[in-house]
């Protein structure tokens, strides 16, 4: 590793320290102004994409998927009956 590469590594590696020092010195007034821009993590969010993901992760025994699971089971039994009746 030559001298310029070593210097670049030190500069990149120390950048989080410099950024954290700048953030630590940020006045409280600036942070209060950003209060409306930042997200509230305690607030419940109703998102269609998130609801879809949760329904796929819930499994067949959950309340959301009981109807779908039962419908799927009845469709498979109907297909099996049709297959059994075929000549």
PDB file of N, CA and C in Angstrom:
ATOM      1  N   UNK A   1       0.857  -1.166   0.000  1.00  0.00           N
ATOM      2  CA  UNK A   1       0.000   0.000   0.000  1.00  0.00           C
ATOM      3  C   UNK A   1       0.904   1.229   0.000  1.00  0.00           C
ATOM      4  N   UNK A   2       0.644   2.095  -0.972  1.00  0.00           N
ATOM      5  CA  UNK A   2       1.488   3.291  -1.022  1.00  0.00           C
ATOM      6  C   UNK A   2       0.929   4.383  -0.113  1.00  0.00           C
ATOM      7  N   UNK A   3       1.614   5.488  -0.090  1.00  0.00           N
ATOM      8  CA  UNK A   3       1.292   6.559   0.846  1.00  0.00           C
ATOM      9  C   UNK A   3      -0.087   7.178   0.569  1.00  0.00           C
ATOM     10  N   UNK A   4      -0.438   7.385  -0.685  1.00  0.00           N
ATOM     11  CA  UNK A   4      -1.730   8.014  -1.007  1.00  0.00           C
ATOM     12  C   UNK A   4      -2.895   7.079  -0.653  1.00  0.00           C
ATOM     13  N   UNK A   5      -2.721   5.780  -0.861  1.00  0.00           N
ATOM     14  CA  UNK A   5      -3.774   4.828  -0.492  1.00  0.00           C
ATOM     15  C   UNK A   5      -3.949   4.789   1.032  1.00  0.00           C
ATOM     16  N   UNK A   6      -2.853   4.840   1.735  1.00  0.00           N
ATOM     17  CA  UNK A   6      -2.912   4.838   3.200  1.00  0.00           C
ATOM     18  C   UNK A   6      -3.651   6.082   3.693  1.00  0.00           C
ATOM     19  N   UNK A   7      -3.356   7.232   3.106  1.00  0.00           N
ATOM     20  CA  UNK A   7      -4.016   8.479   3.488  1.00  0.00           C
ATOM     21  C   UNK A   7      -5.509   8.443   3.180  1.00  0.00           C
ATOM     22  N   UNK A   8      -5.863   7.844   2.040  1.00  0.00           N
ATOM     23  CA  UNK A   8      -7.270   7.733   1.680  1.00  0.00           C
ATOM     24  C   UNK A   8      -8.014   6.834   2.664  1.00  0.00           C
ATOM     25  N   UNK A   9      -7.384   5.751   3.077  1.00  0.00           N
ATOM     26  CA  UNK A   9      -8.003   4.852   4.065  1.00  0.00           C
ATOM     27  C   UNK A   9      -8.226   5.557   5.390  1.00  0.00           C
ATOM     28  N   UNK A  10      -7.263   6.334   5.827  1.00  0.00           N
ATOM     29  CA  UNK A  10      -7.398   7.083   7.086  1.00  0.00           C
ATOM     30  C   UNK A  10      -8.523   8.107   6.969  1.00  0.00           C
ATOM     31  N   UNK A  11      -8.584   8.805   5.818  1.00  0.00           N
ATOM     32  CA  UNK A  11      -9.620   9.822   5.622  1.00  0.00           C
ATOM     33  C   UNK A  11     -11.010   9.197   5.617  1.00  0.00           C
ATOM     34  N   UNK A  12     -11.180   8.103   4.900  1.00  0.00           N
ATOM     35  CA  UNK A  12     -12.480   7.444   4.838  1.00  0.00           C
ATOM     36  C   UNK A  12     -12.835   6.833   6.195  1.00  0.00           C
ATOM     37  N   UNK A  13     -11.864   6.238   6.850  1.00  0.00           N
ATOM     38  CA  UNK A  13     -12.118   5.616   8.145  1.00  0.00           C
ATOM     39  C   UNK A  13     -12.452   6.611   9.234  1.00  0.00           C
ATOM     40  N   UNK A  14     -11.927   7.815   9.146  1.00  0.00           N
ATOM     41  CA  UNK A  14     -12.198   8.810  10.179  1.00  0.00           C
ATOM     42  C   UNK A  14     -13.436   9.644   9.879  1.00  0.00           C
ATOM     43  N   UNK A  15     -14.020   9.487   8.715  1.00  0.00           N
ATOM     44  CA  UNK A  15     -15.190  10.304   8.371  1.00  0.00           C
ATOM     45  C   UNK A  15     -16.370  10.091   9.329  1.00  0.00           C
ATOM     46  N   UNK A  16     -16.671   8.877   9.812  1.00  0.00           N
ATOM     47  CA  UNK A  16     -17.758   8.760  10.800  1.00  0.00           C
ATOM     48  C   UNK A  16     -17.461   9.510  12.096  1.00  0.00           C
ATOM     49  N   UNK A  17     -16.213   9.579  12.487  1.00  0.00           N
ATOM     50  CA  UNK A  17     -15.867  10.328  13.695  1.00  0.00           C
ATOM     51  C   UNK A  17     -16.109  11.818  13.491  1.00  0.00           C
ATOM     52  N   UNK A  18     -15.760  12.316  12.316  1.00  0.00           N
ATOM     53  CA  UNK A  18     -15.954  13.739  12.024  1.00  0.00           C
ATOM     54  C   UNK A  18     -17.451  14.056  11.945  1.00  0.00           C
ATOM     55  N   UNK A  19     -18.206  13.209  11.270  1.00  0.00           N
ATOM     56  CA  UNK A  19     -19.654  13.427  11.138  1.00  0.00           C
ATOM     57  C   UNK A  19     -20.338  13.358  12.500  1.00  0.00           C
ATOM     58  N   UNK A  20     -19.942  12.418  13.344  1.00  0.00           N
ATOM     59  CA  UNK A  20     -20.566  12.312  14.668  1.00  0.00           C
ATOM     60  C   UNK A  20     -20.237  13.528  15.521  1.00  0.00           C
ATOM     61  N   UNK A  21     -19.028  14.067  15.392  1.00  0.00           N
ATOM     62  CA  UNK A  21     -18.675  15.276  16.146  1.00  0.00           C
ATOM     63  C   UNK A  21     -19.508  16.460  15.680  1.00  0.00           C
ATOM     64  N   UNK A  22     -19.738  16.567  14.377  1.00  0.00           N
ATOM     65  CA  UNK A  22     -20.561  17.664  13.853  1.00  0.00           C
ATOM     66  C   UNK A  22     -22.005  17.512  14.339  1.00  0.00           C
ATOM     67  N   UNK A  23     -22.537  16.294  14.314  1.00  0.00           N
ATOM     68  CA  UNK A  23     -23.901  16.076  14.793  1.00  0.00           C
ATOM     69  C   UNK A  23     -24.035  16.330  16.289  1.00  0.00           C
ATOM     70  N   UNK A  24     -22.994  16.012  17.030  1.00  0.00           N
ATOM     71  CA  UNK A  24     -23.018  16.239  18.476  1.00  0.00           C
ATOM     72  C   UNK A  24     -23.064  17.732  18.791  1.00  0.00           C
ATOM     73  N   UNK A  25     -22.455  18.535  17.951  1.00  0.00           N
ATOM     74  CA  UNK A  25     -22.419  19.974  18.168  1.00  0.00           C
ATOM     75  C   UNK A  25     -23.608  20.708  17.550  1.00  0.00           C
ATOM     76  N   UNK A  26     -24.558  19.980  16.964  1.00  0.00           N
ATOM     77  CA  UNK A  26     -25.735  20.589  16.360  1.00  0.00           C
ATOM     78  C   UNK A  26     -26.601  21.219  17.447  1.00  0.00           C
ATOM     79  N   UNK A  27     -27.000  22.461  17.268  1.00  0.00           N
ATOM     80  CA  UNK A  27     -27.845  23.127  18.277  1.00  0.00           C
ATOM     81  C   UNK A  27     -29.214  22.454  18.391  1.00  0.00           C
ATOM     82  N   UNK A  28     -29.795  22.498  19.586  1.00  0.00           N
ATOM     83  CA  UNK A  28     -31.099  21.889  19.833  1.00  0.00           C
ATOM     84  C   UNK A  28     -32.204  22.546  19.009  1.00  0.00           C
ATOM     85  N   UNK A  29     -32.058  23.802  18.695  1.00  0.00           N
ATOM     86  CA  UNK A  29     -33.076  24.513  17.906  1.00  0.00           C
ATOM     87  C   UNK A  29     -33.202  23.882  16.520  1.00  0.00           C
ATOM     88  N   UNK A  30     -32.088  23.494  15.927  1.00  0.00           N
ATOM     89  CA  UNK A  30     -32.127  22.861  14.603  1.00  0.00           C
ATOM     90  C   UNK A  30     -32.840  21.513  14.670  1.00  0.00           C
ATOM     91  N   UNK A  31     -32.598  20.783  15.731  1.00  0.00           N
ATOM     92  CA  UNK A  31     -33.233  19.470  15.892  1.00  0.00           C
ATOM     93  C   UNK A  31     -34.736  19.631  16.074  1.00  0.00           C
ATOM     94  N   UNK A  32     -35.163  20.651  16.819  1.00  0.00           N
ATOM     95  CA  UNK A  32     -36.597  20.890  17.021  1.00  0.00           C
ATOM     96  C   UNK A  32     -37.271  21.280  15.713  1.00  0.00           C
ATOM     97  N   UNK A  33     -36.558  21.982  14.840  1.00  0.00           N
ATOM     98  CA  UNK A  33     -37.120  22.339  13.535  1.00  0.00           C
ATOM     99  C   UNK A  33     -37.322  21.095  12.672  1.00  0.00           C
ATOM    100  N   UNK A  34     -36.477  20.090  12.824  1.00  0.00           N
ATOM    101  CA  UNK A  34     -36.599  18.855  12.056  1.00  0.00           C
ATOM    102  C   UNK A  34     -37.620  17.893  12.653  1.00  0.00           C
ATOM    103  N   UNK A  35     -38.197  18.213  13.786  1.00  0.00           N
ATOM    104  CA  UNK A  35     -39.137  17.327  14.462  1.00  0.00           C
ATOM    105  C   UNK A  35     -40.320  16.941  13.600  1.00  0.00           C
ATOM    106  N   UNK A  36     -40.798  17.845  12.755  1.00  0.00           N
ATOM    107  CA  UNK A  36     -41.935  17.532  11.903  1.00  0.00           C
ATOM    108  C   UNK A  36     -41.528  16.707  10.690  1.00  0.00           C
ATOM    109  N   UNK A  37     -40.273  16.739  10.327  1.00  0.00           N
ATOM    110  CA  UNK A  37     -39.789  16.010   9.160  1.00  0.00           C
ATOM    111  C   UNK A  37     -39.491  14.551   9.510  1.00  0.00           C
ATOM    112  N   UNK A  38     -39.015  14.300  10.711  1.00  0.00           N
ATOM    113  CA  UNK A  38     -38.638  12.953  11.113  1.00  0.00           C
ATOM    114  C   UNK A  38     -39.863  12.085  11.364  1.00  0.00           C
ATOM    115  N   UNK A  39     -39.725  10.780  11.146  1.00  0.00           N
ATOM    116  CA  UNK A  39     -40.822   9.844  11.338  1.00  0.00           C
ATOM    117  C   UNK A  39     -41.029   9.528  12.807  1.00  0.00           C
ATOM    118  N   UNK A  40     -42.277   9.293  13.170  1.00  0.00           N
ATOM    119  CA  UNK A  40     -42.616   8.879  14.529  1.00  0.00           C
ATOM    120  C   UNK A  40     -42.664   7.354  14.548  1.00  0.00           C
ATOM    121  N   UNK A  41     -41.742   6.730  15.234  1.00  0.00           N
ATOM    122  CA  UNK A  41     -41.656   5.273  15.262  1.00  0.00           C
ATOM    123  C   UNK A  41     -42.743   4.638  16.117  1.00  0.00           C
ATOM    124  N   UNK A  42     -43.383   5.420  16.983  1.00  0.00           N
ATOM    125  CA  UNK A  42     -44.433   4.885  17.840  1.00  0.00           C
ATOM    126  C   UNK A  42     -45.796   4.858  17.146  1.00  0.00           C
ATOM    127  N   UNK A  43     -45.935   5.579  16.045  1.00  0.00           N
ATOM    128  CA  UNK A  43     -47.208   5.661  15.334  1.00  0.00           C
ATOM    129  C   UNK A  43     -47.402   4.432  14.450  1.00  0.00           C
ATOM    130  N   UNK A  44     -48.625   3.858  14.485  1.00  0.00           N
ATOM    131  CA  UNK A  44     -48.913   2.691  13.662  1.00  0.00           C
ATOM    132  C   UNK A  44     -49.132   3.125  12.222  1.00  0.00           C
ATOM    133  N   UNK A  45     -48.577   2.378  11.286  1.00  0.00           N
ATOM    134  CA  UNK A  45     -48.666   2.716   9.874  1.00  0.00           C
ATOM    135  C   UNK A  45     -49.495   1.661   9.161  1.00  0.00           C
ATOM    136  N   UNK A  46     -50.439   2.098   8.353  1.00  0.00           N
ATOM    137  CA  UNK A  46     -51.247   1.183   7.540  1.00  0.00           C
ATOM    138  C   UNK A  46     -50.764   1.305   6.104  1.00  0.00           C
ATOM    139  N   UNK A  47     -49.957   0.356   5.682  1.00  0.00           N
ATOM    140  CA  UNK A  47     -49.372   0.372   4.355  1.00  0.00           C
ATOM    141  C   UNK A  47     -49.813  -0.890   3.626  1.00  0.00           C
ATOM    142  N   UNK A  48     -50.269  -0.755   2.384  1.00  0.00           N
ATOM    143  CA  UNK A  48     -50.782  -1.900   1.649  1.00  0.00           C
ATOM    144  C   UNK A  48     -49.679  -2.927   1.384  1.00  0.00           C
ATOM    145  N   UNK A  49     -48.493  -2.467   1.040  1.00  0.00           N
ATOM    146  CA  UNK A  49     -47.380  -3.375   0.787  1.00  0.00           C
ATOM    147  C   UNK A  49     -46.999  -4.130   2.059  1.00  0.00           C
ATOM    148  N   UNK A  50     -46.950  -3.424   3.177  1.00  0.00           N
ATOM    149  CA  UNK A  50     -46.624  -4.056   4.450  1.00  0.00           C
ATOM    150  C   UNK A  50     -47.697  -5.062   4.858  1.00  0.00           C
ATOM    151  N   UNK A  51     -48.958  -4.733   4.608  1.00  0.00           N
ATOM    152  CA  UNK A  51     -50.053  -5.662   4.936  1.00  0.00           C
ATOM    153  C   UNK A  51     -49.947  -6.936   4.103  1.00  0.00           C
ATOM    154  N   UNK A  52     -49.591  -6.802   2.829  1.00  0.00           N
ATOM    155  CA  UNK A  52     -49.409  -7.971   1.977  1.00  0.00           C
ATOM    156  C   UNK A  52     -48.276  -8.850   2.454  1.00  0.00           C
ATOM    157  N   UNK A  53     -47.182  -8.228   2.863  1.00  0.00           N
ATOM    158  CA  UNK A  53     -46.042  -8.996   3.356  1.00  0.00           C
ATOM    159  C   UNK A  53     -46.403  -9.718   4.653  1.00  0.00           C
ATOM    160  N   UNK A  54     -47.118  -9.033   5.538  1.00  0.00           N
ATOM    161  CA  UNK A  54     -47.509  -9.659   6.800  1.00  0.00           C
ATOM    162  C   UNK A  54     -48.427 -10.857   6.564  1.00  0.00           C
ATOM    163  N   UNK A  55     -49.315 -10.760   5.562  1.00  0.00           N
ATOM    164  CA  UNK A  55     -50.216 -11.877   5.305  1.00  0.00           C
ATOM    165  C   UNK A  55     -49.458 -13.087   4.755  1.00  0.00           C
ATOM    166  N   UNK A  56     -48.365 -12.864   4.022  1.00  0.00           N
ATOM    167  CA  UNK A  56     -47.584 -14.001   3.534  1.00  0.00           C
ATOM    168  C   UNK A  56     -46.765 -14.622   4.647  1.00  0.00           C
ATOM    169  N   UNK A  57     -46.399 -13.840   5.647  1.00  0.00           N
ATOM    170  CA  UNK A  57     -45.579 -14.335   6.740  1.00  0.00           C
ATOM    171  C   UNK A  57     -46.407 -14.948   7.860  1.00  0.00           C
ATOM    172  N   UNK A  58     -47.720 -14.737   7.840  1.00  0.00           N
ATOM    173  CA  UNK A  58     -48.567 -15.171   8.946  1.00  0.00           C
ATOM    174  C   UNK A  58     -48.748 -16.679   8.995  1.00  0.00           C
ATOM    175  N   UNK A  59     -48.753 -17.352   7.855  1.00  0.00           N
ATOM    176  CA  UNK A  59     -48.929 -18.796   7.842  1.00  0.00           C
ATOM    177  C   UNK A  59     -50.378 -19.186   7.660  1.00  0.00           C
ATOM    178  N   UNK A  60     -50.643 -20.459   7.418  1.00  0.00           N
ATOM    179  CA  UNK A  60     -52.000 -20.903   7.103  1.00  0.00           C
ATOM    180  C   UNK A  60     -52.961 -20.905   8.295  1.00  0.00           C
ATOM    181  N   UNK A  61     -52.468 -20.874   9.519  1.00  0.00           N
ATOM    182  CA  UNK A  61     -53.343 -20.957  10.688  1.00  0.00           C
ATOM    183  C   UNK A  61     -53.756 -19.591  11.223  1.00  0.00           C
ATOM    184  N   UNK A  62     -53.290 -18.521  10.607  1.00  0.00           N
ATOM    185  CA  UNK A  62     -53.623 -17.193  11.119  1.00  0.00           C
ATOM    186  C   UNK A  62     -55.016 -16.777  10.678  1.00  0.00           C
ATOM    187  N   UNK A  63     -55.555 -15.729  11.303  1.00  0.00           N
ATOM    188  CA  UNK A  63     -56.894 -15.250  10.983  1.00  0.00           C
ATOM    189  C   UNK A  63     -56.979 -14.754   9.545  1.00  0.00           C
ATOM    190  N   UNK A  64     -55.926 -14.090   9.056  1.00  0.00           N
ATOM    191  CA  UNK A  64     -55.980 -13.510   7.722  1.00  0.00           C
ATOM    192  C   UNK A  64     -56.031 -14.587   6.649  1.00  0.00           C
ATOM    193  N   UNK A  65     -55.388 -15.711   6.865  1.00  0.00           N
ATOM    194  CA  UNK A  65     -55.250 -16.706   5.813  1.00  0.00           C
ATOM    195  C   UNK A  65     -56.143 -17.925   5.989  1.00  0.00           C
ATOM    196  N   UNK A  66     -57.004 -17.970   6.991  1.00  0.00           N
ATOM    197  CA  UNK A  66     -57.846 -19.149   7.204  1.00  0.00           C
ATOM    198  C   UNK A  66     -58.781 -19.337   6.028  1.00  0.00           C
ATOM    199  N   UNK A  67     -59.412 -18.278   5.561  1.00  0.00           N
ATOM    200  CA  UNK A  67     -60.342 -18.386   4.444  1.00  0.00           C
ATOM    201  C   UNK A  67     -59.607 -18.829   3.191  1.00  0.00           C
ATOM    202  N   UNK A  68     -58.483 -18.203   2.912  1.00  0.00           N
ATOM    203  CA  UNK A  68     -57.714 -18.539   1.726  1.00  0.00           C
ATOM    204  C   UNK A  68     -57.225 -19.979   1.788  1.00  0.00           C
ATOM    205  N   UNK A  69     -56.761 -20.405   2.931  1.00  0.00           N
ATOM    206  CA  UNK A  69     -56.273 -21.771   3.101  1.00  0.00           C
ATOM    207  C   UNK A  69     -57.416 -22.768   2.896  1.00  0.00           C
ATOM    208  N   UNK A  70     -58.603 -22.479   3.450  1.00  0.00           N
ATOM    209  CA  UNK A  70     -59.755 -23.369   3.282  1.00  0.00           C
ATOM    210  C   UNK A  70     -60.211 -23.412   1.830  1.00  0.00           C
ATOM    211  N   UNK A  71     -60.216 -22.275   1.169  1.00  0.00           N
ATOM    212  CA  UNK A  71     -60.597 -22.243  -0.243  1.00  0.00           C
ATOM    213  C   UNK A  71     -59.636 -23.075  -1.072  1.00  0.00           C
ATOM    214  N   UNK A  72     -58.357 -22.948  -0.779  1.00  0.00           N
ATOM    215  CA  UNK A  72     -57.350 -23.716  -1.505  1.00  0.00           C
ATOM    216  C   UNK A  72     -57.551 -25.214  -1.285  1.00  0.00           C
ATOM    217  N   UNK A  73     -57.854 -25.596  -0.074  1.00  0.00           N
ATOM    218  CA  UNK A  73     -58.079 -27.019   0.221  1.00  0.00           C
ATOM    219  C   UNK A  73     -59.309 -27.533  -0.514  1.00  0.00           C
ATOM    220  N   UNK A  74     -60.377 -26.738  -0.593  1.00  0.00           N
ATOM    221  CA  UNK A  74     -61.584 -27.191  -1.293  1.00  0.00           C
ATOM    222  C   UNK A  74     -61.346 -27.272  -2.794  1.00  0.00           C
ATOM    223  N   UNK A  75     -60.568 -26.344  -3.349  1.00  0.00           N
ATOM    224  CA  UNK A  75     -60.242 -26.397  -4.778  1.00  0.00           C
ATOM    225  C   UNK A  75     -59.450 -27.660  -5.096  1.00  0.00           C
ATOM    226  N   UNK A  76     -58.508 -28.009  -4.242  1.00  0.00           N
ATOM    227  CA  UNK A  76     -57.712 -29.216  -4.483  1.00  0.00           C
ATOM    228  C   UNK A  76     -58.575 -30.470  -4.397  1.00  0.00           C
ATOM    229  N   UNK A  77     -59.538 -30.477  -3.466  1.00  0.00           N
ATOM    230  CA  UNK A  77     -60.397 -31.658  -3.358  1.00  0.00           C
ATOM    231  C   UNK A  77     -61.321 -31.754  -4.568  1.00  0.00           C
ATOM    232  N   UNK A  78     -61.794 -30.614  -5.099  1.00  0.00           N
ATOM    233  CA  UNK A  78     -62.621 -30.625  -6.304  1.00  0.00           C
ATOM    234  C   UNK A  78     -61.822 -31.133  -7.496  1.00  0.00           C
ATOM    235  N   UNK A  79     -60.576 -30.697  -7.611  1.00  0.00           N
ATOM    236  CA  UNK A  79     -59.724 -31.182  -8.697  1.00  0.00           C
ATOM    237  C   UNK A  79     -59.477 -32.678  -8.569  1.00  0.00           C
ATOM    238  N   UNK A  80     -59.309 -33.149  -7.363  1.00  0.00           N
ATOM    239  CA  UNK A  80     -59.090 -34.579  -7.146  1.00  0.00           C
ATOM    240  C   UNK A  80     -60.342 -35.372  -7.511  1.00  0.00           C
ATOM    241  N   UNK A  81     -61.529 -34.834  -7.184  1.00  0.00           N
ATOM    242  CA  UNK A  81     -62.779 -35.505  -7.558  1.00  0.00           C
ATOM    243  C   UNK A  81     -62.928 -35.568  -9.075  1.00  0.00           C
ATOM    244  N   UNK A  82     -62.624 -34.464  -9.758  1.00  0.00           N
ATOM    245  CA  UNK A  82     -62.728 -34.434 -11.215  1.00  0.00           C
ATOM    246  C   UNK A  82     -61.745 -35.435 -11.844  1.00  0.00           C
ATOM    247  N   UNK A  83     -60.554 -35.515 -11.271  1.00  0.00           N
ATOM    248  CA  UNK A  83     -59.541 -36.442 -11.782  1.00  0.00           C
ATOM    249  C   UNK A  83     -60.000 -37.877 -11.578  1.00  0.00           C
ATOM    250  N   UNK A  84     -60.626 -38.162 -10.458  1.00  0.00           N
ATOM    251  CA  UNK A  84     -61.086 -39.509 -10.161  1.00  0.00           C
ATOM    252  C   UNK A  84     -62.245 -39.911 -11.059  1.00  0.00           C
ATOM    253  N   UNK A  85     -63.071 -38.968 -11.493  1.00  0.00           N
ATOM    254  CA  UNK A  85     -64.216 -39.273 -12.336  1.00  0.00           C
ATOM    255  C   UNK A  85     -63.861 -39.333 -13.816  1.00  0.00           C
ATOM    256  N   UNK A  86     -62.681 -38.897 -14.175  1.00  0.00           N
ATOM    257  CA  UNK A  86     -62.278 -38.920 -15.591  1.00  0.00           C
ATOM    258  C   UNK A  86     -62.104 -40.355 -16.058  1.00  0.00           C
ATOM    259  N   UNK A  87     -62.518 -40.667 -17.321  1.00  0.00           N
ATOM    260  CA  UNK A  87     -62.430 -42.049 -17.822  1.00  0.00           C
ATOM    261  C   UNK A  87     -61.008 -42.500 -18.048  1.00  0.00           C
TER     262      UNK A  87
END
